[in-house]
Amino acid sequence: MLTGKKIKVFYDSSVIIAGLASSRGTSCITLSLAEMGVIEPYIAEQVVSEVINNVERKLPSCLPQFFTLFKTLPFRLVDAKRDHLNRALELINEKDAPLVAVAMSAGVDVLLNLDKHFLHDELREQLDFVVCTPGDFLTHFPDTPPGNGVSASGHEFRNSSPTFSA
């Protein structure tokens, strides 16, 4: 069993959608880690709306997995504090500022995102948390499993495919 503090991870809609679309990708693996209780997953209401809108339009066959995902995973739904929103508006465009603000308000360790404009050093240097792709997260964080399914702390991950898939 893992000991110590769980990594608090904020999920952008791009990561959740990618995780629903592919049962083998790094986005799906991070969702599996949340399902297993290895990491603590955070989202915002805006993320839920974006995911459902995109899944309905682009991946309608994934709708059952979407509903099961949100019933199964222990997502913490967080709202942005006003001062964090004001700060985020100084750092990134108006559309994406609410997501950065929610991550600030939640006090997360990591914001997982697949959108390139979130991954620029200018933004990342201004934040108190890491912004990275799911692949980078799995490569660099100590309590996530490398390719052999064993974390740096020795925890074995036997279930690499999530139970939320239909």
Protein backbone atom coordinates (compact mmCIF):
# COMPACT_ATOMS: atom_id res chain seq x y z
CA MET A 1 0.00 0.00 0.00
CA LEU A 2 1.17 3.51 -0.74
CA THR A 3 2.09 5.66 2.20
CA GLY A 4 2.20 9.42 2.44
CA LYS A 5 0.19 12.16 0.85
CA LYS A 6 -1.76 11.49 -2.35
CA ILE A 7 -0.90 13.65 -5.33
CA LYS A 8 -3.75 16.10 -5.95
CA VAL A 9 -4.44 16.18 -9.69
CA PHE A 10 -6.72 18.54 -11.59
CA TYR A 11 -8.07 17.06 -14.83
CA ASP A 12 -8.72 19.21 -17.87
CA SER A 13 -11.48 18.04 -20.20
CA SER A 14 -8.93 17.12 -22.89
CA VAL A 15 -7.44 14.46 -20.62
CA ILE A 16 -10.79 12.97 -19.63
CA ILE A 17 -11.96 12.84 -23.25
CA ALA A 18 -8.71 11.18 -24.33
CA GLY A 19 -9.06 8.70 -21.46
CA LEU A 20 -12.57 7.80 -22.56
CA ALA A 21 -11.50 7.46 -26.20
CA SER A 22 -8.55 5.12 -25.59
CA SER A 23 -8.28 2.39 -22.98
CA ARG A 24 -4.51 2.15 -23.44
CA GLY A 25 -3.30 5.76 -23.45
CA THR A 26 -1.66 7.73 -20.67
CA SER A 27 -4.84 9.76 -20.04
CA CYS A 28 -6.71 6.53 -19.31
CA ILE A 29 -3.90 5.33 -17.04
CA THR A 30 -4.15 8.51 -14.95
CA LEU A 31 -7.91 7.97 -14.61
CA SER A 32 -7.18 4.40 -13.50
CA LEU A 33 -4.81 5.75 -10.85
CA ALA A 34 -7.62 7.97 -9.57
CA GLU A 35 -9.99 5.01 -9.56
CA MET A 36 -7.49 2.99 -7.52
CA GLY A 37 -7.10 5.82 -5.02
CA VAL A 38 -3.45 6.44 -5.85
CA ILE A 39 -4.08 10.07 -6.77
CA GLU A 40 -6.77 12.50 -5.67
CA PRO A 41 -8.71 13.77 -8.74
CA TYR A 42 -10.14 17.29 -9.00
CA ILE A 43 -12.37 18.83 -11.65
CA ALA A 44 -14.47 21.91 -12.25
CA GLU A 45 -18.06 22.20 -13.41
CA GLN A 46 -16.74 23.68 -16.67
CA VAL A 47 -14.72 20.49 -17.25
CA VAL A 48 -17.80 18.29 -16.80
CA SER A 49 -19.76 20.44 -19.27
CA GLU A 50 -16.96 20.40 -21.85
CA VAL A 51 -16.55 16.64 -21.56
CA ILE A 52 -20.24 15.86 -21.98
CA ASN A 53 -20.62 18.28 -24.91
CA ASN A 54 -17.62 16.81 -26.72
CA VAL A 55 -18.51 13.20 -25.99
CA GLU A 56 -22.08 13.72 -27.22
CA ARG A 57 -20.85 15.34 -30.45
CA LYS A 58 -17.66 13.42 -31.23
CA LEU A 59 -17.75 10.15 -29.27
CA PRO A 60 -21.39 9.20 -28.69
CA SER A 61 -20.42 5.56 -28.27
CA CYS A 62 -18.48 6.61 -25.13
CA LEU A 63 -21.52 8.09 -23.34
CA PRO A 64 -22.02 5.00 -21.14
CA GLN A 65 -18.36 5.14 -20.05
CA PHE A 66 -18.72 8.87 -19.36
CA PHE A 67 -21.61 8.33 -16.95
CA THR A 68 -19.91 5.37 -15.30
CA LEU A 69 -16.68 7.35 -14.99
CA PHE A 70 -18.36 10.13 -13.04
CA LYS A 71 -20.18 7.65 -10.80
CA THR A 72 -17.03 5.60 -10.16
CA LEU A 73 -14.21 8.09 -9.71
CA PRO A 74 -13.96 10.11 -6.52
CA PHE A 75 -13.71 13.47 -8.31
CA ARG A 76 -13.70 16.53 -6.08
CA LEU A 77 -15.70 19.29 -7.74
CA VAL A 78 -14.11 22.67 -6.97
CA ASP A 79 -15.06 26.27 -7.69
CA ALA A 80 -12.59 29.07 -8.31
CA LYS A 81 -12.05 31.75 -5.69
CA ARG A 82 -12.40 35.29 -7.03
CA ASP A 83 -8.80 36.29 -6.25
CA HIS A 84 -7.52 33.19 -8.05
CA LEU A 85 -9.65 34.00 -11.08
CA ASN A 86 -8.24 37.53 -11.17
CA ARG A 87 -4.69 36.16 -10.97
CA ALA A 88 -5.37 33.52 -13.66
CA LEU A 89 -6.72 36.21 -16.01
CA GLU A 90 -3.28 37.84 -15.82
CA LEU A 91 -1.62 34.57 -16.87
CA ILE A 92 -3.74 32.98 -19.59
CA ASN A 93 -6.61 33.74 -21.95
CA GLU A 94 -10.11 34.44 -20.64
CA LYS A 95 -11.51 31.07 -21.80
CA ASP A 96 -8.89 29.02 -19.92
CA ALA A 97 -8.43 31.26 -16.88
CA PRO A 98 -11.27 29.61 -14.92
CA LEU A 99 -9.53 26.23 -15.13
CA VAL A 100 -6.24 27.62 -13.88
CA ALA A 101 -8.11 29.48 -11.14
CA VAL A 102 -9.90 26.31 -9.99
CA ALA A 103 -6.58 24.46 -9.86
CA MET A 104 -5.17 27.33 -7.75
CA SER A 105 -8.20 27.32 -5.45
CA ALA A 106 -8.05 23.55 -4.99
CA GLY A 107 -4.37 23.66 -4.07
CA VAL A 108 -3.54 20.85 -6.47
CA ASP A 109 -0.06 19.52 -7.12
CA VAL A 110 -0.61 18.92 -10.84
CA LEU A 111 -2.86 20.16 -13.65
CA LEU A 112 -3.08 17.54 -16.39
CA ASN A 113 -3.73 18.99 -19.82
CA LEU A 114 -3.21 18.11 -23.48
CA ASP A 115 -3.61 21.67 -24.83
CA LYS A 116 -0.27 23.09 -25.95
CA HIS A 117 -0.98 26.65 -24.78
CA PHE A 118 -1.10 25.36 -21.18
CA LEU A 119 2.31 23.75 -21.55
CA HIS A 120 4.39 26.89 -22.18
CA ASP A 121 7.15 27.64 -19.70
CA GLU A 122 5.98 31.26 -19.27
CA LEU A 123 2.72 30.04 -17.71
CA ARG A 124 4.20 27.12 -15.81
CA GLU A 125 6.84 29.32 -14.14
CA GLN A 126 4.07 31.51 -12.67
CA LEU A 127 2.16 28.69 -10.97
CA ASP A 128 2.55 26.88 -7.66
CA PHE A 129 1.69 23.55 -9.27
CA VAL A 130 2.97 21.51 -12.17
CA VAL A 131 1.22 21.69 -15.55
CA CYS A 132 1.96 18.69 -17.72
CA THR A 133 0.62 16.04 -20.03
CA PRO A 134 -0.49 12.66 -18.65
CA GLY A 135 2.59 11.10 -20.26
CA ASP A 136 4.93 13.50 -18.46
CA PHE A 137 3.05 12.93 -15.23
CA LEU A 138 3.48 9.16 -15.47
CA THR A 139 7.16 9.56 -16.30
CA HIS A 140 8.14 12.01 -13.59
CA PHE A 141 6.04 11.49 -10.48
CA PRO A 142 7.25 8.98 -7.89
CA ASP A 143 3.98 7.26 -7.03
CA THR A 144 2.87 6.60 -10.58
CA PRO A 145 3.76 3.36 -12.32
CA PRO A 146 6.45 3.22 -14.96
CA GLY A 147 6.07 0.79 -17.84
CA ASN A 148 6.58 -2.26 -15.60
CA GLY A 149 3.53 -1.46 -13.44
CA VAL A 150 5.49 -0.87 -10.21
CA SER A 151 5.79 2.62 -8.76
CA ALA A 152 9.03 4.06 -7.42
CA SER A 153 7.69 3.42 -3.91
CA GLY A 154 7.24 -0.27 -4.74
CA HIS A 155 3.44 -0.31 -5.13
CA GLU A 156 2.36 -2.83 -7.76
CA PHE A 157 -0.43 -1.83 -10.13
CA ARG A 158 -2.14 -5.03 -11.17
CA ASN A 159 -5.18 -3.48 -12.84
CA SER A 160 -3.95 -1.37 -15.72
CA SER A 161 -7.33 -1.19 -17.39
CA PRO A 162 -10.01 0.82 -15.62
CA THR A 163 -13.26 -0.73 -14.49
CA PHE A 164 -15.25 2.27 -15.73
CA SER A 165 -14.97 1.12 -19.34
CA ALA A 166 -18.04 -0.65 -20.69
